[in-house]
Amino acid sequence: MSERPTLSDTERPTGDAGQRRTMTTPAPGRALETSSAQGRTTIENAVVAKIAGLAAREIEGVHSLEPMGAASAISGLAAGLTARVSGADQNAPSRGGQNVRVEVGEREAAVDLAMTVDYGVSIPQIADAVRRNIISRVGAITGLTVKEVNIDVADLYFPQEQEAASAARVQ
């Protein structure tokens, strides 16, 4: 897959009425701000994180995204324990991008995520596919150039373990 070329400020497209769009330095927590004579557009960091998380989950072989960092690990353990006690699906995809960390500059982004992959798949191939999909989706949706996607394969998913746990709970 070829990378999208980036446009310099002089090459950026103009608005519908011929007004030039300008990019401003975003406020903390905001990934991108653009403005034109017709108004301003702001994209929050959380939106970029959600896009990256959804793009990762689109790849076959990615079972789930995992919490990142020590605080997230503790909250992830608590959520896993709660899911086991209540019988909820602890591997259900989260709605947010809390399992994805993004750093965003004016035109570029970096993404960090941890994931569980299905046993038996090629981890390097899955990681490459996830990386390509995140770069493509974030770029297409936000206009940001993703410079790096760091992936931590934190666990393997064994379907037999899930089936055994479900069968034991039902008896």
C-alpha atoms as a PDB file:
ATOM      1  CA  MET A   1       0.000   0.000   0.000  1.00  0.00           C
ATOM      2  CA  SER A   2       1.446   3.345  -0.948  1.00  0.00           C
ATOM      3  CA  GLU A   3       1.572   6.156   1.557  1.00  0.00           C
ATOM      4  CA  ARG A   4      -0.464   9.264   0.892  1.00  0.00           C
ATOM      5  CA  PRO A   5       1.607  12.291   0.005  1.00  0.00           C
ATOM      6  CA  THR A   6       1.320  15.159   2.445  1.00  0.00           C
ATOM      7  CA  LEU A   7       0.442  18.632   1.300  1.00  0.00           C
ATOM      8  CA  SER A   8       2.403  21.642   2.375  1.00  0.00           C
ATOM      9  CA  ASP A   9       0.513  24.748   3.507  1.00  0.00           C
ATOM     10  CA  THR A  10       0.849  26.274   0.046  1.00  0.00           C
ATOM     11  CA  GLU A  11      -0.681  23.176  -1.544  1.00  0.00           C
ATOM     12  CA  ARG A  12      -3.617  22.820   0.870  1.00  0.00           C
ATOM     13  CA  PRO A  13      -6.984  23.026  -0.876  1.00  0.00           C
ATOM     14  CA  THR A  14      -9.138  26.086  -0.565  1.00  0.00           C
ATOM     15  CA  GLY A  15     -12.721  26.156   0.688  1.00  0.00           C
ATOM     16  CA  ASP A  16     -15.753  26.011  -1.567  1.00  0.00           C
ATOM     17  CA  ALA A  17     -15.917  29.792  -1.833  1.00  0.00           C
ATOM     18  CA  GLY A  18     -12.206  30.014  -2.679  1.00  0.00           C
ATOM     19  CA  GLN A  19     -11.125  30.898   0.863  1.00  0.00           C
ATOM     20  CA  ARG A  20      -7.911  29.328   2.059  1.00  0.00           C
ATOM     21  CA  ARG A  21      -8.181  26.813   4.895  1.00  0.00           C
ATOM     22  CA  THR A  22      -5.675  27.281   7.668  1.00  0.00           C
ATOM     23  CA  MET A  23      -4.440  24.814  10.241  1.00  0.00           C
ATOM     24  CA  THR A  24      -3.778  26.084  13.738  1.00  0.00           C
ATOM     25  CA  THR A  25      -1.850  24.598  16.617  1.00  0.00           C
ATOM     26  CA  PRO A  26      -4.403  22.488  18.479  1.00  0.00           C
ATOM     27  CA  ALA A  27      -5.206  22.958  22.141  1.00  0.00           C
ATOM     28  CA  PRO A  28      -4.193  20.167  24.538  1.00  0.00           C
ATOM     29  CA  GLY A  29      -6.436  17.133  24.036  1.00  0.00           C
ATOM     30  CA  ARG A  30      -7.250  18.149  20.493  1.00  0.00           C
ATOM     31  CA  ALA A  31      -5.660  16.419  17.557  1.00  0.00           C
ATOM     32  CA  LEU A  32      -6.403  18.843  14.772  1.00  0.00           C
ATOM     33  CA  GLU A  33      -7.982  22.229  14.249  1.00  0.00           C
ATOM     34  CA  THR A  34      -8.682  23.741  10.839  1.00  0.00           C
ATOM     35  CA  SER A  35     -10.540  26.891   9.995  1.00  0.00           C
ATOM     36  CA  SER A  36     -11.863  28.679   6.968  1.00  0.00           C
ATOM     37  CA  ALA A  37     -14.159  31.610   6.339  1.00  0.00           C
ATOM     38  CA  GLN A  38     -17.111  29.246   6.843  1.00  0.00           C
ATOM     39  CA  GLY A  39     -16.028  28.021  10.305  1.00  0.00           C
ATOM     40  CA  ARG A  40     -13.643  25.906  12.347  1.00  0.00           C
ATOM     41  CA  THR A  41     -13.258  22.115  12.608  1.00  0.00           C
ATOM     42  CA  THR A  42     -11.715  20.497  15.675  1.00  0.00           C
ATOM     43  CA  ILE A  43     -10.855  16.796  15.993  1.00  0.00           C
ATOM     44  CA  GLU A  44     -10.280  15.565  19.546  1.00  0.00           C
ATOM     45  CA  ASN A  45      -7.478  13.117  20.404  1.00  0.00           C
ATOM     46  CA  ALA A  46     -10.108  10.656  21.644  1.00  0.00           C
ATOM     47  CA  VAL A  47     -11.618  10.575  18.147  1.00  0.00           C
ATOM     48  CA  VAL A  48      -8.253   9.648  16.618  1.00  0.00           C
ATOM     49  CA  ALA A  49      -7.833   6.945  19.290  1.00  0.00           C
ATOM     50  CA  LYS A  50     -11.285   5.508  18.513  1.00  0.00           C
ATOM     51  CA  ILE A  51     -10.579   5.438  14.789  1.00  0.00           C
ATOM     52  CA  ALA A  52      -7.284   3.620  15.410  1.00  0.00           C
ATOM     53  CA  GLY A  53      -8.951   1.138  17.784  1.00  0.00           C
ATOM     54  CA  LEU A  54     -11.728   0.333  15.345  1.00  0.00           C
ATOM     55  CA  ALA A  55      -9.232  -0.006  12.497  1.00  0.00           C
ATOM     56  CA  ALA A  56      -7.214  -2.510  14.550  1.00  0.00           C
ATOM     57  CA  ARG A  57     -10.320  -4.563  15.360  1.00  0.00           C
ATOM     58  CA  GLU A  58     -11.228  -4.782  11.653  1.00  0.00           C
ATOM     59  CA  ILE A  59      -8.296  -7.127  11.078  1.00  0.00           C
ATOM     60  CA  GLU A  60      -9.085 -10.828  11.268  1.00  0.00           C
ATOM     61  CA  GLY A  61      -6.962 -12.455  13.954  1.00  0.00           C
ATOM     62  CA  VAL A  62      -7.150  -9.519  16.377  1.00  0.00           C
ATOM     63  CA  HIS A  63      -9.221 -10.840  19.254  1.00  0.00           C
ATOM     64  CA  SER A  64      -9.294  -7.737  21.453  1.00  0.00           C
ATOM     65  CA  LEU A  65      -7.417  -4.618  22.450  1.00  0.00           C
ATOM     66  CA  GLU A  66      -5.839  -4.563  25.879  1.00  0.00           C
ATOM     67  CA  PRO A  67      -5.480  -1.734  28.399  1.00  0.00           C
ATOM     68  CA  MET A  68      -2.141   0.062  28.333  1.00  0.00           C
ATOM     69  CA  GLY A  69       0.044   1.147  31.245  1.00  0.00           C
ATOM     70  CA  ALA A  70       0.060   0.210  34.930  1.00  0.00           C
ATOM     71  CA  ALA A  71      -3.146   2.032  35.876  1.00  0.00           C
ATOM     72  CA  SER A  72      -4.932   0.573  32.875  1.00  0.00           C
ATOM     73  CA  ALA A  73      -3.631  -2.893  33.708  1.00  0.00           C
ATOM     74  CA  ILE A  74      -5.093  -2.663  37.218  1.00  0.00           C
ATOM     75  CA  SER A  75      -8.438  -1.425  35.911  1.00  0.00           C
ATOM     76  CA  GLY A  76      -8.331  -4.146  33.241  1.00  0.00           C
ATOM     77  CA  LEU A  77      -7.816  -6.816  35.902  1.00  0.00           C
ATOM     78  CA  ALA A  78     -10.745  -5.424  37.880  1.00  0.00           C
ATOM     79  CA  ALA A  79     -12.936  -5.393  34.768  1.00  0.00           C
ATOM     80  CA  GLY A  80     -11.886  -8.963  33.939  1.00  0.00           C
ATOM     81  CA  LEU A  81     -12.737 -10.133  37.454  1.00  0.00           C
ATOM     82  CA  THR A  82     -16.096  -8.375  37.308  1.00  0.00           C
ATOM     83  CA  ALA A  83     -16.795  -9.973  33.910  1.00  0.00           C
ATOM     84  CA  ARG A  84     -15.954 -13.447  35.222  1.00  0.00           C
ATOM     85  CA  VAL A  85     -18.191 -13.034  38.272  1.00  0.00           C
ATOM     86  CA  SER A  86     -21.097 -11.556  36.307  1.00  0.00           C
ATOM     87  CA  GLY A  87     -20.679 -13.815  33.266  1.00  0.00           C
ATOM     88  CA  ALA A  88     -20.270 -10.834  30.926  1.00  0.00           C
ATOM     89  CA  ASP A  89     -18.081 -11.086  27.835  1.00  0.00           C
ATOM     90  CA  GLN A  90     -14.760  -9.607  28.892  1.00  0.00           C
ATOM     91  CA  ASN A  91     -13.533  -9.697  25.304  1.00  0.00           C
ATOM     92  CA  ALA A  92     -16.358  -7.589  23.912  1.00  0.00           C
ATOM     93  CA  PRO A  93     -14.956  -4.600  22.052  1.00  0.00           C
ATOM     94  CA  SER A  94     -14.909  -1.391  24.016  1.00  0.00           C
ATOM     95  CA  ARG A  95     -16.734   1.590  22.599  1.00  0.00           C
ATOM     96  CA  GLY A  96     -13.941   4.018  23.283  1.00  0.00           C
ATOM     97  CA  GLY A  97     -10.335   4.394  22.368  1.00  0.00           C
ATOM     98  CA  GLN A  98      -9.159   3.931  25.969  1.00  0.00           C
ATOM     99  CA  ASN A  99      -7.069   0.940  24.921  1.00  0.00           C
ATOM    100  CA  VAL A 100      -5.243   3.053  22.355  1.00  0.00           C
ATOM    101  CA  ARG A 101      -2.832   5.870  23.110  1.00  0.00           C
ATOM    102  CA  VAL A 102      -2.230   8.602  20.520  1.00  0.00           C
ATOM    103  CA  GLU A 103       0.200  11.475  20.301  1.00  0.00           C
ATOM    104  CA  VAL A 104      -0.834  14.069  17.784  1.00  0.00           C
ATOM    105  CA  GLY A 105       1.053  17.006  16.353  1.00  0.00           C
ATOM    106  CA  GLU A 106      -0.172  19.565  13.875  1.00  0.00           C
ATOM    107  CA  ARG A 107      -0.212  17.160  10.928  1.00  0.00           C
ATOM    108  CA  GLU A 108       1.205  13.864  12.218  1.00  0.00           C
ATOM    109  CA  ALA A 109       0.211  11.221  14.731  1.00  0.00           C
ATOM    110  CA  ALA A 110       1.751   8.254  16.526  1.00  0.00           C
ATOM    111  CA  VAL A 111      -0.348   5.376  17.846  1.00  0.00           C
ATOM    112  CA  ASP A 112       0.416   2.858  20.625  1.00  0.00           C
ATOM    113  CA  LEU A 113      -1.808  -0.120  21.337  1.00  0.00           C
ATOM    114  CA  ALA A 114      -1.747  -3.524  23.003  1.00  0.00           C
ATOM    115  CA  MET A 115      -3.775  -6.423  21.671  1.00  0.00           C
ATOM    116  CA  THR A 116      -4.632 -10.072  22.072  1.00  0.00           C
ATOM    117  CA  VAL A 117      -4.380 -12.153  18.915  1.00  0.00           C
ATOM    118  CA  ASP A 118      -5.980 -15.470  18.078  1.00  0.00           C
ATOM    119  CA  TYR A 119      -3.752 -18.498  18.572  1.00  0.00           C
ATOM    120  CA  GLY A 120      -2.402 -19.897  15.315  1.00  0.00           C
ATOM    121  CA  VAL A 121      -2.231 -16.686  13.289  1.00  0.00           C
ATOM    122  CA  SER A 122       1.050 -15.160  12.147  1.00  0.00           C
ATOM    123  CA  ILE A 123       1.760 -12.366  14.613  1.00  0.00           C
ATOM    124  CA  PRO A 124       4.070 -10.425  12.232  1.00  0.00           C
ATOM    125  CA  GLN A 125       1.432 -10.566   9.472  1.00  0.00           C
ATOM    126  CA  ILE A 126      -1.343  -9.466  11.846  1.00  0.00           C
ATOM    127  CA  ALA A 127       0.808  -6.618  13.190  1.00  0.00           C
ATOM    128  CA  ASP A 128       1.631  -5.431   9.660  1.00  0.00           C
ATOM    129  CA  ALA A 129      -2.039  -5.579   8.631  1.00  0.00           C
ATOM    130  CA  VAL A 130      -3.112  -3.664  11.759  1.00  0.00           C
ATOM    131  CA  ARG A 131      -0.419  -1.046  11.167  1.00  0.00           C
ATOM    132  CA  ARG A 132      -1.419  -0.547   7.504  1.00  0.00           C
ATOM    133  CA  ASN A 133      -5.128  -0.338   8.356  1.00  0.00           C
ATOM    134  CA  ILE A 134      -4.619   2.212  11.142  1.00  0.00           C
ATOM    135  CA  ILE A 135      -2.420   4.385   8.916  1.00  0.00           C
ATOM    136  CA  SER A 136      -4.984   4.199   6.119  1.00  0.00           C
ATOM    137  CA  ARG A 137      -8.120   4.807   8.229  1.00  0.00           C
ATOM    138  CA  VAL A 138      -6.734   7.620  10.389  1.00  0.00           C
ATOM    139  CA  GLY A 139      -5.299   9.327   7.306  1.00  0.00           C
ATOM    140  CA  ALA A 140      -8.502   9.012   5.290  1.00  0.00           C
ATOM    141  CA  ILE A 141     -10.820  10.135   8.078  1.00  0.00           C
ATOM    142  CA  THR A 142      -8.769  12.904   9.730  1.00  0.00           C
ATOM    143  CA  GLY A 143      -6.184  13.949   7.154  1.00  0.00           C
ATOM    144  CA  LEU A 144      -3.379  13.236   9.656  1.00  0.00           C
ATOM    145  CA  THR A 145      -0.250  11.389   8.579  1.00  0.00           C
ATOM    146  CA  VAL A 146       0.407   8.492  10.957  1.00  0.00           C
ATOM    147  CA  LYS A 147       4.177   8.251  11.318  1.00  0.00           C
ATOM    148  CA  GLU A 148       4.310   5.185  13.570  1.00  0.00           C
ATOM    149  CA  VAL A 149       2.078   2.515  15.031  1.00  0.00           C
ATOM    150  CA  ASN A 150       3.631   0.681  17.983  1.00  0.00           C
ATOM    151  CA  ILE A 151       1.953  -2.643  18.723  1.00  0.00           C
ATOM    152  CA  ASP A 152       2.349  -4.750  21.849  1.00  0.00           C
ATOM    153  CA  VAL A 153       0.999  -8.265  21.433  1.00  0.00           C
ATOM    154  CA  ALA A 154       0.107  -8.799  25.079  1.00  0.00           C
ATOM    155  CA  ASP A 155      -1.708 -12.132  24.974  1.00  0.00           C
ATOM    156  CA  LEU A 156      -2.952 -15.039  22.883  1.00  0.00           C
ATOM    157  CA  TYR A 157      -6.588 -16.075  22.708  1.00  0.00           C
ATOM    158  CA  PHE A 158      -7.381 -19.788  22.813  1.00  0.00           C
ATOM    159  CA  PRO A 159     -11.004 -20.497  21.799  1.00  0.00           C
ATOM    160  CA  GLN A 160     -10.935 -23.814  23.688  1.00  0.00           C
ATOM    161  CA  GLU A 161     -10.414 -21.980  27.011  1.00  0.00           C
ATOM    162  CA  GLN A 162     -13.465 -19.783  26.406  1.00  0.00           C
ATOM    163  CA  GLU A 163     -15.614 -22.794  25.454  1.00  0.00           C
ATOM    164  CA  ALA A 164     -14.474 -24.713  28.543  1.00  0.00           C
ATOM    165  CA  ALA A 165     -15.235 -21.759  30.809  1.00  0.00           C
ATOM    166  CA  SER A 166     -18.697 -21.343  29.269  1.00  0.00           C
ATOM    167  CA  ALA A 167     -19.479 -25.054  29.606  1.00  0.00           C
ATOM    168  CA  ALA A 168     -18.379 -25.115  33.252  1.00  0.00           C
ATOM    169  CA  ARG A 169     -20.516 -22.079  34.070  1.00  0.00           C
ATOM    170  CA  VAL A 170     -23.640 -23.596  32.492  1.00  0.00           C
ATOM    171  CA  GLN A 171     -23.551 -26.961  34.305  1.00  0.00           C
END
